[in-house]
């Protein structure tokens, strides 16, 4: 087993970032609303769908971790330490930890973003109007902990670049929201 390595990863948004964090209390509240009152309720509660700490809106580090795991699956990048030809970083990245939850803005700075989205349930072709929080310009700094110290920084850069360009973070990624670029990456002691 190698030494633990830590990397500081700074990303910058290239597209707006959308939140849709349905916390349990919000989800339970939504289930009690009549169908004909859902649109009105949604307009009143859209800010509560953001991930917040105090009055600051944050990017959950789990979003970037998930994007990196997805990038591992999509690129099928073979690690420099691989012992098999078809080995990828996917399983390895599941052991990686990300910390940070960087602050993006204050709750009052969010913009409501409304769009028709696919409804869940029996009739999956139904579209319903949803209003979610959005921020136009954003950036964040995360600390990635590589517990086995085996990630090559060049391969890590490639995976972060892929995650930013083709995976993204947040909600509405299929509409290209949440795309980002790598600003800096450095190993920290």
N, C-alpha and C. Protein backbone atom coordinates (compact mmCIF):
# COMPACT_ATOMS: atom_id res chain seq x y z
N UNK A 1 0.84 -1.17 0.00
CA UNK A 1 0.00 0.00 0.00
C UNK A 1 0.89 1.24 0.00
N UNK A 2 0.55 2.20 -0.89
CA UNK A 2 1.32 3.43 -0.99
C UNK A 2 0.91 4.44 0.08
N UNK A 3 1.53 5.57 0.02
CA UNK A 3 1.20 6.65 0.95
C UNK A 3 -0.04 7.38 0.47
N UNK A 4 -0.81 7.87 1.42
CA UNK A 4 -2.00 8.65 1.07
C UNK A 4 -1.56 9.92 0.35
N UNK A 5 -2.24 10.24 -0.75
CA UNK A 5 -1.98 11.47 -1.48
C UNK A 5 -3.23 12.33 -1.43
N UNK A 6 -3.00 13.63 -1.43
CA UNK A 6 -4.11 14.58 -1.44
C UNK A 6 -3.90 15.55 -2.60
N UNK A 7 -4.98 15.84 -3.30
CA UNK A 7 -4.94 16.76 -4.42
C UNK A 7 -5.97 17.86 -4.22
N UNK A 8 -5.57 19.08 -4.50
CA UNK A 8 -6.51 20.20 -4.50
C UNK A 8 -6.96 20.39 -5.95
N UNK A 9 -8.25 20.28 -6.17
CA UNK A 9 -8.82 20.40 -7.51
C UNK A 9 -9.70 21.63 -7.54
N UNK A 10 -9.39 22.55 -8.44
CA UNK A 10 -10.22 23.75 -8.60
C UNK A 10 -10.87 23.69 -9.98
N UNK A 11 -12.20 23.81 -9.98
CA UNK A 11 -12.95 23.77 -11.23
C UNK A 11 -13.71 25.08 -11.40
N UNK A 12 -14.01 25.40 -12.65
CA UNK A 12 -14.76 26.60 -12.98
C UNK A 12 -15.88 26.23 -13.93
N UNK A 13 -17.08 26.68 -13.62
CA UNK A 13 -18.24 26.37 -14.44
C UNK A 13 -18.18 26.99 -15.81
N UNK A 14 -18.52 26.20 -16.82
CA UNK A 14 -18.61 26.68 -18.20
C UNK A 14 -20.07 26.88 -18.60
N UNK A 15 -20.96 26.25 -17.86
CA UNK A 15 -22.40 26.35 -18.06
C UNK A 15 -23.04 26.60 -16.70
N UNK A 16 -24.25 27.13 -16.66
CA UNK A 16 -24.92 27.34 -15.37
C UNK A 16 -25.07 26.03 -14.59
N UNK A 17 -25.17 26.17 -13.28
CA UNK A 17 -25.32 25.02 -12.39
C UNK A 17 -26.72 25.03 -11.80
N UNK A 18 -27.38 23.88 -11.84
CA UNK A 18 -28.76 23.74 -11.36
C UNK A 18 -28.80 22.73 -10.23
N UNK A 19 -29.52 23.06 -9.17
CA UNK A 19 -29.72 22.16 -8.04
C UNK A 19 -31.12 21.59 -8.10
N UNK A 20 -31.29 20.40 -7.56
CA UNK A 20 -32.61 19.80 -7.36
C UNK A 20 -32.48 18.77 -6.25
N UNK A 21 -32.07 19.24 -5.09
CA UNK A 21 -31.86 18.35 -3.96
C UNK A 21 -33.19 18.19 -3.24
N UNK A 22 -33.82 17.05 -3.44
CA UNK A 22 -35.11 16.80 -2.79
C UNK A 22 -34.87 16.16 -1.44
N UNK A 23 -34.68 17.02 -0.43
CA UNK A 23 -34.49 16.54 0.93
C UNK A 23 -35.76 15.83 1.39
N UNK A 24 -35.62 14.96 2.35
CA UNK A 24 -36.76 14.15 2.79
C UNK A 24 -37.94 15.02 3.21
N UNK A 25 -37.70 16.08 3.97
CA UNK A 25 -38.83 16.92 4.41
C UNK A 25 -39.53 17.59 3.23
N UNK A 26 -38.76 18.00 2.22
CA UNK A 26 -39.33 18.62 1.03
C UNK A 26 -40.12 17.59 0.22
N UNK A 27 -39.57 16.40 0.10
CA UNK A 27 -40.24 15.31 -0.63
C UNK A 27 -41.55 14.93 0.07
N UNK A 28 -41.51 14.80 1.40
CA UNK A 28 -42.72 14.47 2.16
C UNK A 28 -43.78 15.56 2.02
N UNK A 29 -43.33 16.81 2.03
CA UNK A 29 -44.25 17.94 1.86
C UNK A 29 -44.89 17.91 0.47
N UNK A 30 -44.08 17.59 -0.54
CA UNK A 30 -44.58 17.55 -1.92
C UNK A 30 -45.64 16.47 -2.09
N UNK A 31 -45.46 15.32 -1.44
CA UNK A 31 -46.42 14.22 -1.57
C UNK A 31 -47.80 14.60 -1.04
N UNK A 32 -47.87 15.56 -0.11
CA UNK A 32 -49.14 15.96 0.49
C UNK A 32 -49.89 17.00 -0.34
N UNK A 33 -49.23 17.57 -1.33
CA UNK A 33 -49.83 18.62 -2.15
C UNK A 33 -50.70 18.00 -3.24
N UNK A 34 -51.86 18.60 -3.48
CA UNK A 34 -52.75 18.14 -4.54
C UNK A 34 -52.11 18.45 -5.89
N UNK A 35 -52.38 17.61 -6.89
CA UNK A 35 -51.76 17.77 -8.21
C UNK A 35 -51.99 19.15 -8.80
N UNK A 36 -53.20 19.68 -8.64
CA UNK A 36 -53.49 20.98 -9.24
C UNK A 36 -52.82 22.14 -8.48
N UNK A 37 -52.21 21.88 -7.33
CA UNK A 37 -51.54 22.91 -6.55
C UNK A 37 -50.01 22.75 -6.58
N UNK A 38 -49.53 21.74 -7.29
CA UNK A 38 -48.08 21.46 -7.32
C UNK A 38 -47.27 22.60 -7.94
N UNK A 39 -47.76 23.17 -9.03
CA UNK A 39 -47.00 24.25 -9.70
C UNK A 39 -46.84 25.45 -8.77
N UNK A 40 -47.88 25.82 -8.08
CA UNK A 40 -47.82 26.94 -7.14
C UNK A 40 -46.87 26.63 -5.98
N UNK A 41 -46.96 25.42 -5.45
CA UNK A 41 -46.07 24.99 -4.36
C UNK A 41 -44.62 25.02 -4.83
N UNK A 42 -44.38 24.56 -6.06
CA UNK A 42 -43.04 24.49 -6.62
C UNK A 42 -42.43 25.90 -6.72
N UNK A 43 -43.23 26.88 -7.12
CA UNK A 43 -42.75 28.26 -7.22
C UNK A 43 -42.39 28.85 -5.86
N UNK A 44 -43.04 28.38 -4.80
CA UNK A 44 -42.77 28.89 -3.46
C UNK A 44 -41.55 28.20 -2.83
N UNK A 45 -41.25 27.00 -3.25
CA UNK A 45 -40.21 26.20 -2.58
C UNK A 45 -38.94 25.99 -3.38
N UNK A 46 -38.82 26.59 -4.57
CA UNK A 46 -37.69 26.30 -5.44
C UNK A 46 -36.34 26.52 -4.77
N UNK A 47 -36.19 27.56 -3.93
CA UNK A 47 -34.90 27.82 -3.29
C UNK A 47 -34.51 26.72 -2.32
N UNK A 48 -35.49 26.04 -1.77
CA UNK A 48 -35.21 24.98 -0.81
C UNK A 48 -34.60 23.75 -1.48
N UNK A 49 -34.55 23.71 -2.80
CA UNK A 49 -33.96 22.58 -3.53
C UNK A 49 -32.45 22.73 -3.67
N UNK A 50 -31.91 23.83 -3.20
CA UNK A 50 -30.45 24.03 -3.23
C UNK A 50 -29.83 23.39 -2.01
N UNK A 51 -28.60 22.99 -2.15
CA UNK A 51 -27.83 22.46 -1.01
C UNK A 51 -27.22 23.66 -0.30
N UNK A 52 -27.55 23.83 0.97
CA UNK A 52 -27.11 25.01 1.71
C UNK A 52 -26.43 24.64 3.02
N UNK A 53 -25.54 25.53 3.43
CA UNK A 53 -24.94 25.50 4.77
C UNK A 53 -25.09 26.91 5.30
N UNK A 54 -25.98 27.08 6.28
CA UNK A 54 -26.30 28.41 6.76
C UNK A 54 -27.09 29.13 5.68
N UNK A 55 -26.61 30.31 5.25
CA UNK A 55 -27.26 31.03 4.15
C UNK A 55 -26.44 30.93 2.87
N UNK A 56 -25.44 30.05 2.85
CA UNK A 56 -24.57 29.88 1.68
C UNK A 56 -24.97 28.62 0.90
N UNK A 57 -25.02 28.78 -0.41
CA UNK A 57 -25.30 27.65 -1.30
C UNK A 57 -23.97 26.97 -1.60
N UNK A 58 -23.95 25.64 -1.53
CA UNK A 58 -22.71 24.89 -1.73
C UNK A 58 -22.86 23.87 -2.85
N UNK A 59 -21.71 23.47 -3.39
CA UNK A 59 -21.65 22.36 -4.33
C UNK A 59 -21.27 21.13 -3.51
N UNK A 60 -22.15 20.14 -3.43
CA UNK A 60 -21.80 18.95 -2.65
C UNK A 60 -20.62 18.21 -3.29
N UNK A 61 -19.64 17.85 -2.51
CA UNK A 61 -18.47 17.15 -3.04
C UNK A 61 -18.86 15.81 -3.65
N UNK A 62 -19.97 15.22 -3.19
CA UNK A 62 -20.42 13.95 -3.75
C UNK A 62 -20.75 14.08 -5.25
N UNK A 63 -21.13 15.28 -5.71
CA UNK A 63 -21.42 15.49 -7.12
C UNK A 63 -20.16 15.30 -7.96
N UNK A 64 -19.05 15.90 -7.53
CA UNK A 64 -17.80 15.76 -8.29
C UNK A 64 -17.29 14.33 -8.22
N UNK A 65 -17.40 13.71 -7.07
CA UNK A 65 -16.97 12.31 -6.93
C UNK A 65 -17.75 11.43 -7.91
N UNK A 66 -19.05 11.62 -7.96
CA UNK A 66 -19.89 10.84 -8.88
C UNK A 66 -19.52 11.10 -10.33
N UNK A 67 -19.25 12.37 -10.67
CA UNK A 67 -18.85 12.71 -12.04
C UNK A 67 -17.53 12.04 -12.41
N UNK A 68 -16.60 11.97 -11.46
CA UNK A 68 -15.30 11.33 -11.72
C UNK A 68 -15.46 9.82 -11.91
N UNK A 69 -16.30 9.19 -11.10
CA UNK A 69 -16.55 7.75 -11.27
C UNK A 69 -17.19 7.49 -12.62
N UNK A 70 -18.12 8.35 -13.01
CA UNK A 70 -18.77 8.22 -14.32
C UNK A 70 -17.74 8.41 -15.44
N UNK A 71 -16.82 9.36 -15.28
CA UNK A 71 -15.77 9.58 -16.27
C UNK A 71 -14.87 8.35 -16.40
N UNK A 72 -14.60 7.68 -15.28
CA UNK A 72 -13.80 6.46 -15.31
C UNK A 72 -14.50 5.39 -16.15
N UNK A 73 -15.80 5.26 -15.98
CA UNK A 73 -16.57 4.26 -16.73
C UNK A 73 -16.58 4.58 -18.22
N UNK A 74 -16.76 5.87 -18.54
CA UNK A 74 -16.89 6.27 -19.94
C UNK A 74 -15.57 6.25 -20.70
N UNK A 75 -14.49 6.69 -20.06
CA UNK A 75 -13.21 6.77 -20.77
C UNK A 75 -12.53 5.41 -20.86
N UNK A 76 -12.84 4.55 -19.89
CA UNK A 76 -12.18 3.25 -19.80
C UNK A 76 -10.66 3.41 -19.78
N UNK A 77 -10.20 4.52 -19.17
CA UNK A 77 -8.77 4.80 -19.04
C UNK A 77 -8.11 3.71 -18.20
N UNK A 78 -7.08 3.10 -18.76
CA UNK A 78 -6.36 2.03 -18.07
C UNK A 78 -5.31 2.68 -17.15
N UNK A 79 -5.37 2.41 -15.85
CA UNK A 79 -4.41 3.01 -14.93
C UNK A 79 -2.97 2.58 -15.23
N UNK A 80 -2.03 3.43 -14.90
CA UNK A 80 -0.62 3.11 -15.14
C UNK A 80 -0.18 1.90 -14.31
N UNK A 81 -0.89 1.58 -13.23
CA UNK A 81 -0.54 0.46 -12.37
C UNK A 81 -1.36 -0.81 -12.68
N UNK A 82 -2.11 -0.79 -13.77
CA UNK A 82 -2.99 -1.91 -14.11
C UNK A 82 -2.20 -3.20 -14.32
N UNK A 83 -2.83 -4.30 -13.91
CA UNK A 83 -2.22 -5.61 -14.11
C UNK A 83 -2.95 -6.39 -15.20
N UNK A 84 -4.14 -5.87 -15.61
CA UNK A 84 -4.90 -6.48 -16.69
C UNK A 84 -5.19 -5.43 -17.76
N UNK A 85 -5.31 -5.87 -18.99
CA UNK A 85 -5.53 -4.97 -20.12
C UNK A 85 -6.87 -4.23 -20.02
N UNK A 86 -7.91 -4.88 -19.51
CA UNK A 86 -9.23 -4.25 -19.48
C UNK A 86 -9.54 -3.60 -18.13
N UNK A 87 -8.56 -3.42 -17.29
CA UNK A 87 -8.75 -2.77 -15.99
C UNK A 87 -8.97 -1.26 -16.19
N UNK A 88 -9.86 -0.66 -15.41
CA UNK A 88 -10.09 0.78 -15.48
C UNK A 88 -9.98 1.37 -14.07
N UNK A 89 -10.08 2.68 -14.00
CA UNK A 89 -10.03 3.38 -12.72
C UNK A 89 -11.35 3.31 -11.95
N UNK A 90 -12.40 2.78 -12.54
CA UNK A 90 -13.73 2.83 -11.93
C UNK A 90 -13.75 2.31 -10.50
N UNK A 91 -13.33 1.09 -10.27
CA UNK A 91 -13.34 0.51 -8.93
C UNK A 91 -12.40 1.28 -8.01
N UNK A 92 -11.25 1.67 -8.52
CA UNK A 92 -10.29 2.41 -7.70
C UNK A 92 -10.89 3.73 -7.22
N UNK A 93 -11.57 4.44 -8.12
CA UNK A 93 -12.13 5.74 -7.76
C UNK A 93 -13.26 5.65 -6.75
N UNK A 94 -13.85 4.48 -6.61
CA UNK A 94 -14.89 4.32 -5.59
C UNK A 94 -14.31 4.39 -4.18
N UNK A 95 -12.98 4.23 -4.05
CA UNK A 95 -12.33 4.35 -2.74
C UNK A 95 -11.83 5.77 -2.47
N UNK A 96 -11.87 6.62 -3.48
CA UNK A 96 -11.40 7.99 -3.36
C UNK A 96 -12.43 8.83 -2.59
N UNK A 97 -11.94 9.74 -1.75
CA UNK A 97 -12.82 10.62 -1.00
C UNK A 97 -12.64 12.05 -1.50
N UNK A 98 -13.73 12.79 -1.53
CA UNK A 98 -13.67 14.22 -1.86
C UNK A 98 -14.27 15.01 -0.72
N UNK A 99 -13.61 16.10 -0.39
CA UNK A 99 -14.09 16.98 0.66
C UNK A 99 -14.15 18.39 0.10
N UNK A 100 -14.90 19.23 0.76
CA UNK A 100 -14.89 20.62 0.36
C UNK A 100 -16.25 21.29 0.43
N UNK A 101 -17.23 20.79 -0.29
CA UNK A 101 -18.54 21.45 -0.38
C UNK A 101 -18.36 22.97 -0.50
N UNK A 102 -17.68 23.44 -1.57
CA UNK A 102 -17.37 24.87 -1.67
C UNK A 102 -18.62 25.74 -1.78
N UNK A 103 -18.54 26.91 -1.16
CA UNK A 103 -19.63 27.88 -1.24
C UNK A 103 -19.62 28.53 -2.61
N UNK A 104 -20.81 28.66 -3.19
CA UNK A 104 -20.94 29.22 -4.52
C UNK A 104 -21.53 30.63 -4.47
N UNK A 105 -22.54 30.80 -3.63
CA UNK A 105 -23.22 32.09 -3.53
C UNK A 105 -24.09 32.08 -2.29
N UNK A 106 -24.77 33.19 -2.06
CA UNK A 106 -25.77 33.25 -1.00
C UNK A 106 -27.10 32.79 -1.57
N UNK A 107 -27.98 32.33 -0.72
CA UNK A 107 -29.29 31.84 -1.14
C UNK A 107 -30.04 32.89 -1.96
N UNK A 108 -29.93 34.15 -1.58
CA UNK A 108 -30.64 35.23 -2.27
C UNK A 108 -30.13 35.45 -3.70
N UNK A 109 -28.93 34.96 -4.02
CA UNK A 109 -28.34 35.16 -5.35
C UNK A 109 -28.78 34.12 -6.37
N UNK A 110 -29.51 33.10 -5.95
CA UNK A 110 -29.97 32.07 -6.88
C UNK A 110 -31.05 32.63 -7.80
N UNK A 111 -31.13 32.05 -8.98
CA UNK A 111 -32.11 32.43 -9.98
C UNK A 111 -33.07 31.25 -10.15
N UNK A 112 -34.39 31.51 -10.25
CA UNK A 112 -35.31 30.38 -10.50
C UNK A 112 -35.19 29.94 -11.97
N UNK A 113 -35.10 28.65 -12.17
CA UNK A 113 -35.02 28.09 -13.52
C UNK A 113 -36.16 27.09 -13.68
N UNK A 114 -37.06 27.37 -14.58
CA UNK A 114 -38.20 26.48 -14.80
C UNK A 114 -38.08 25.74 -16.12
N UNK A 115 -38.50 24.48 -16.11
CA UNK A 115 -38.47 23.66 -17.32
C UNK A 115 -39.41 22.47 -17.15
N UNK A 116 -39.85 21.92 -18.27
CA UNK A 116 -40.63 20.69 -18.22
C UNK A 116 -39.66 19.53 -18.05
N UNK A 117 -39.95 18.68 -17.09
CA UNK A 117 -39.11 17.50 -16.84
C UNK A 117 -39.99 16.26 -16.83
N UNK A 118 -39.38 15.11 -17.05
CA UNK A 118 -40.11 13.85 -17.03
C UNK A 118 -40.64 13.55 -15.64
N UNK A 119 -41.90 13.19 -15.57
CA UNK A 119 -42.50 12.84 -14.29
C UNK A 119 -42.17 11.40 -13.95
N UNK A 120 -42.10 11.12 -12.66
CA UNK A 120 -41.85 9.75 -12.22
C UNK A 120 -43.19 9.07 -12.00
N UNK A 121 -43.20 7.78 -12.16
CA UNK A 121 -44.43 7.03 -11.91
C UNK A 121 -44.81 6.16 -13.08
N UNK A 122 -46.10 5.81 -13.11
CA UNK A 122 -46.59 4.87 -14.13
C UNK A 122 -46.43 5.40 -15.54
N UNK A 123 -46.80 6.65 -15.77
CA UNK A 123 -46.74 7.23 -17.11
C UNK A 123 -45.48 8.06 -17.26
N UNK A 124 -44.39 7.43 -17.62
CA UNK A 124 -43.10 8.11 -17.67
C UNK A 124 -42.98 9.10 -18.82
N UNK A 125 -43.92 9.11 -19.77
CA UNK A 125 -43.85 10.07 -20.87
C UNK A 125 -44.47 11.42 -20.49
N UNK A 126 -45.05 11.52 -19.32
CA UNK A 126 -45.65 12.77 -18.86
C UNK A 126 -44.55 13.76 -18.48
N UNK A 127 -44.75 15.01 -18.87
CA UNK A 127 -43.82 16.08 -18.50
C UNK A 127 -44.53 17.02 -17.53
N UNK A 128 -43.81 17.44 -16.50
CA UNK A 128 -44.34 18.38 -15.52
C UNK A 128 -43.39 19.57 -15.40
N UNK A 129 -43.93 20.73 -15.06
CA UNK A 129 -43.13 21.93 -14.89
C UNK A 129 -42.48 21.92 -13.52
N UNK A 130 -41.17 22.14 -13.47
CA UNK A 130 -40.43 22.21 -12.21
C UNK A 130 -39.57 23.47 -12.21
N UNK A 131 -39.53 24.12 -11.07
CA UNK A 131 -38.67 25.29 -10.90
C UNK A 131 -37.56 24.90 -9.94
N UNK A 132 -36.32 25.14 -10.38
CA UNK A 132 -35.15 24.77 -9.59
C UNK A 132 -34.20 25.95 -9.47
N UNK A 133 -33.32 25.92 -8.47
CA UNK A 133 -32.34 27.00 -8.31
C UNK A 133 -31.20 26.88 -9.32
N UNK A 134 -30.73 28.02 -9.82
CA UNK A 134 -29.67 28.06 -10.82
C UNK A 134 -28.72 29.21 -10.49
N UNK A 135 -27.45 29.01 -10.80
CA UNK A 135 -26.46 30.09 -10.72
C UNK A 135 -25.69 30.08 -12.03
N UNK A 136 -25.52 31.28 -12.60
CA UNK A 136 -24.86 31.41 -13.91
C UNK A 136 -23.35 31.14 -13.84
N UNK A 137 -22.67 31.86 -12.94
CA UNK A 137 -21.20 31.74 -12.83
C UNK A 137 -20.86 31.09 -11.50
N UNK A 138 -19.98 30.11 -11.57
CA UNK A 138 -19.63 29.39 -10.35
C UNK A 138 -18.25 28.77 -10.47
N UNK A 139 -17.67 28.45 -9.34
CA UNK A 139 -16.41 27.73 -9.27
C UNK A 139 -16.32 27.08 -7.91
N UNK A 140 -15.44 26.12 -7.79
CA UNK A 140 -15.30 25.44 -6.52
C UNK A 140 -13.94 24.78 -6.39
N UNK A 141 -13.52 24.64 -5.13
CA UNK A 141 -12.25 23.99 -4.83
C UNK A 141 -12.53 22.79 -3.93
N UNK A 142 -12.01 21.64 -4.32
CA UNK A 142 -12.24 20.39 -3.60
C UNK A 142 -10.91 19.78 -3.19
N UNK A 143 -10.94 19.00 -2.14
CA UNK A 143 -9.77 18.24 -1.72
C UNK A 143 -10.08 16.77 -2.00
N UNK A 144 -9.26 16.16 -2.85
CA UNK A 144 -9.42 14.75 -3.17
C UNK A 144 -8.38 13.96 -2.39
N UNK A 145 -8.84 12.93 -1.70
CA UNK A 145 -7.94 12.08 -0.93
C UNK A 145 -7.85 10.72 -1.61
N UNK A 146 -6.64 10.39 -2.03
CA UNK A 146 -6.34 9.11 -2.68
C UNK A 146 -5.73 8.21 -1.60
N UNK A 147 -6.55 7.32 -1.00
CA UNK A 147 -6.07 6.56 0.16
C UNK A 147 -4.91 5.61 -0.13
N UNK A 148 -4.74 5.19 -1.37
CA UNK A 148 -3.65 4.27 -1.70
C UNK A 148 -2.49 4.98 -2.41
N UNK A 149 -2.68 6.25 -2.74
CA UNK A 149 -1.60 7.04 -3.34
C UNK A 149 -1.12 6.54 -4.68
N UNK A 150 -2.02 5.99 -5.49
CA UNK A 150 -1.59 5.38 -6.74
C UNK A 150 -2.00 6.17 -7.98
N UNK A 151 -2.81 7.21 -7.82
CA UNK A 151 -3.29 7.94 -8.98
C UNK A 151 -2.16 8.78 -9.58
N UNK A 152 -2.01 8.68 -10.86
CA UNK A 152 -1.05 9.47 -11.61
C UNK A 152 -1.71 10.82 -11.90
N UNK A 153 -1.03 11.93 -11.62
CA UNK A 153 -1.64 13.26 -11.76
C UNK A 153 -2.07 13.55 -13.21
N UNK A 154 -1.33 13.04 -14.18
CA UNK A 154 -1.71 13.26 -15.59
C UNK A 154 -3.01 12.52 -15.92
N UNK A 155 -3.14 11.31 -15.40
CA UNK A 155 -4.38 10.56 -15.63
C UNK A 155 -5.54 11.20 -14.87
N UNK A 156 -5.27 11.73 -13.69
CA UNK A 156 -6.30 12.43 -12.92
C UNK A 156 -6.79 13.65 -13.69
N UNK A 157 -5.86 14.40 -14.26
CA UNK A 157 -6.24 15.57 -15.08
C UNK A 157 -7.14 15.15 -16.23
N UNK A 158 -6.79 14.05 -16.88
CA UNK A 158 -7.58 13.56 -18.01
C UNK A 158 -9.00 13.20 -17.57
N UNK A 159 -9.12 12.56 -16.41
CA UNK A 159 -10.44 12.17 -15.90
C UNK A 159 -11.27 13.39 -15.49
N UNK A 160 -10.64 14.38 -14.85
CA UNK A 160 -11.36 15.60 -14.46
C UNK A 160 -11.80 16.36 -15.72
N UNK A 161 -10.92 16.44 -16.70
CA UNK A 161 -11.28 17.11 -17.96
C UNK A 161 -12.48 16.43 -18.62
N UNK A 162 -12.46 15.10 -18.65
CA UNK A 162 -13.57 14.35 -19.25
C UNK A 162 -14.86 14.58 -18.46
N UNK A 163 -14.76 14.50 -17.12
CA UNK A 163 -15.93 14.71 -16.27
C UNK A 163 -16.53 16.09 -16.51
N UNK A 164 -15.70 17.09 -16.66
CA UNK A 164 -16.18 18.45 -16.87
C UNK A 164 -16.82 18.66 -18.23
N UNK A 165 -16.21 18.09 -19.26
CA UNK A 165 -16.70 18.31 -20.62
C UNK A 165 -17.90 17.43 -20.98
N UNK A 166 -17.93 16.20 -20.47
CA UNK A 166 -18.95 15.26 -20.95
C UNK A 166 -19.92 14.76 -19.88
N UNK A 167 -19.63 14.95 -18.60
CA UNK A 167 -20.50 14.44 -17.54
C UNK A 167 -21.20 15.60 -16.83
N UNK A 168 -20.42 16.49 -16.24
CA UNK A 168 -20.98 17.62 -15.52
C UNK A 168 -21.45 17.25 -14.13
N UNK A 169 -21.93 18.27 -13.40
CA UNK A 169 -22.44 18.06 -12.05
C UNK A 169 -23.78 18.77 -11.92
N UNK A 170 -24.54 18.42 -10.90
CA UNK A 170 -25.82 19.06 -10.64
C UNK A 170 -26.95 18.46 -11.46
N UNK A 171 -28.04 19.20 -11.55
CA UNK A 171 -29.23 18.73 -12.26
C UNK A 171 -29.21 19.26 -13.69
N UNK A 172 -29.94 18.63 -14.57
CA UNK A 172 -30.06 19.07 -15.95
C UNK A 172 -28.83 18.83 -16.79
N UNK A 173 -28.03 17.83 -16.41
CA UNK A 173 -26.80 17.55 -17.16
C UNK A 173 -27.09 17.10 -18.59
N UNK A 174 -28.27 16.48 -18.80
CA UNK A 174 -28.61 16.06 -20.17
C UNK A 174 -28.91 17.26 -21.06
N UNK A 175 -29.06 18.44 -20.47
CA UNK A 175 -29.24 19.68 -21.23
C UNK A 175 -27.97 20.54 -21.15
N UNK A 176 -26.85 19.90 -20.80
CA UNK A 176 -25.52 20.51 -20.72
C UNK A 176 -25.32 21.48 -19.57
N UNK A 177 -26.19 21.49 -18.58
CA UNK A 177 -25.94 22.29 -17.38
C UNK A 177 -24.84 21.60 -16.57
N UNK A 178 -24.14 22.37 -15.77
CA UNK A 178 -23.15 21.82 -14.86
C UNK A 178 -21.82 21.43 -15.48
N UNK A 179 -21.59 21.82 -16.73
CA UNK A 179 -20.30 21.52 -17.35
C UNK A 179 -19.24 22.45 -16.77
N UNK A 180 -18.02 21.94 -16.64
CA UNK A 180 -16.95 22.71 -16.02
C UNK A 180 -15.62 22.39 -16.66
N UNK A 181 -14.63 23.25 -16.34
CA UNK A 181 -13.27 22.99 -16.80
C UNK A 181 -12.35 22.97 -15.58
N UNK A 182 -11.29 22.26 -15.71
CA UNK A 182 -10.27 22.18 -14.66
C UNK A 182 -9.44 23.46 -14.71
N UNK A 183 -9.40 24.17 -13.59
CA UNK A 183 -8.55 25.37 -13.52
C UNK A 183 -7.17 25.00 -13.03
N UNK A 184 -7.10 24.33 -11.88
CA UNK A 184 -5.81 23.90 -11.34
C UNK A 184 -5.98 22.58 -10.62
N UNK A 185 -4.89 21.85 -10.60
CA UNK A 185 -4.82 20.62 -9.81
C UNK A 185 -3.40 20.54 -9.28
N UNK A 186 -3.30 20.31 -7.98
CA UNK A 186 -1.95 20.20 -7.41
C UNK A 186 -1.99 19.25 -6.21
N UNK A 187 -0.88 18.58 -6.04
CA UNK A 187 -0.76 17.70 -4.88
C UNK A 187 -0.44 18.57 -3.67
N UNK A 188 -1.12 18.29 -2.57
CA UNK A 188 -0.89 19.03 -1.33
C UNK A 188 -0.40 18.06 -0.27
N UNK A 189 0.39 18.56 0.62
CA UNK A 189 0.96 17.72 1.70
C UNK A 189 0.13 17.81 2.93
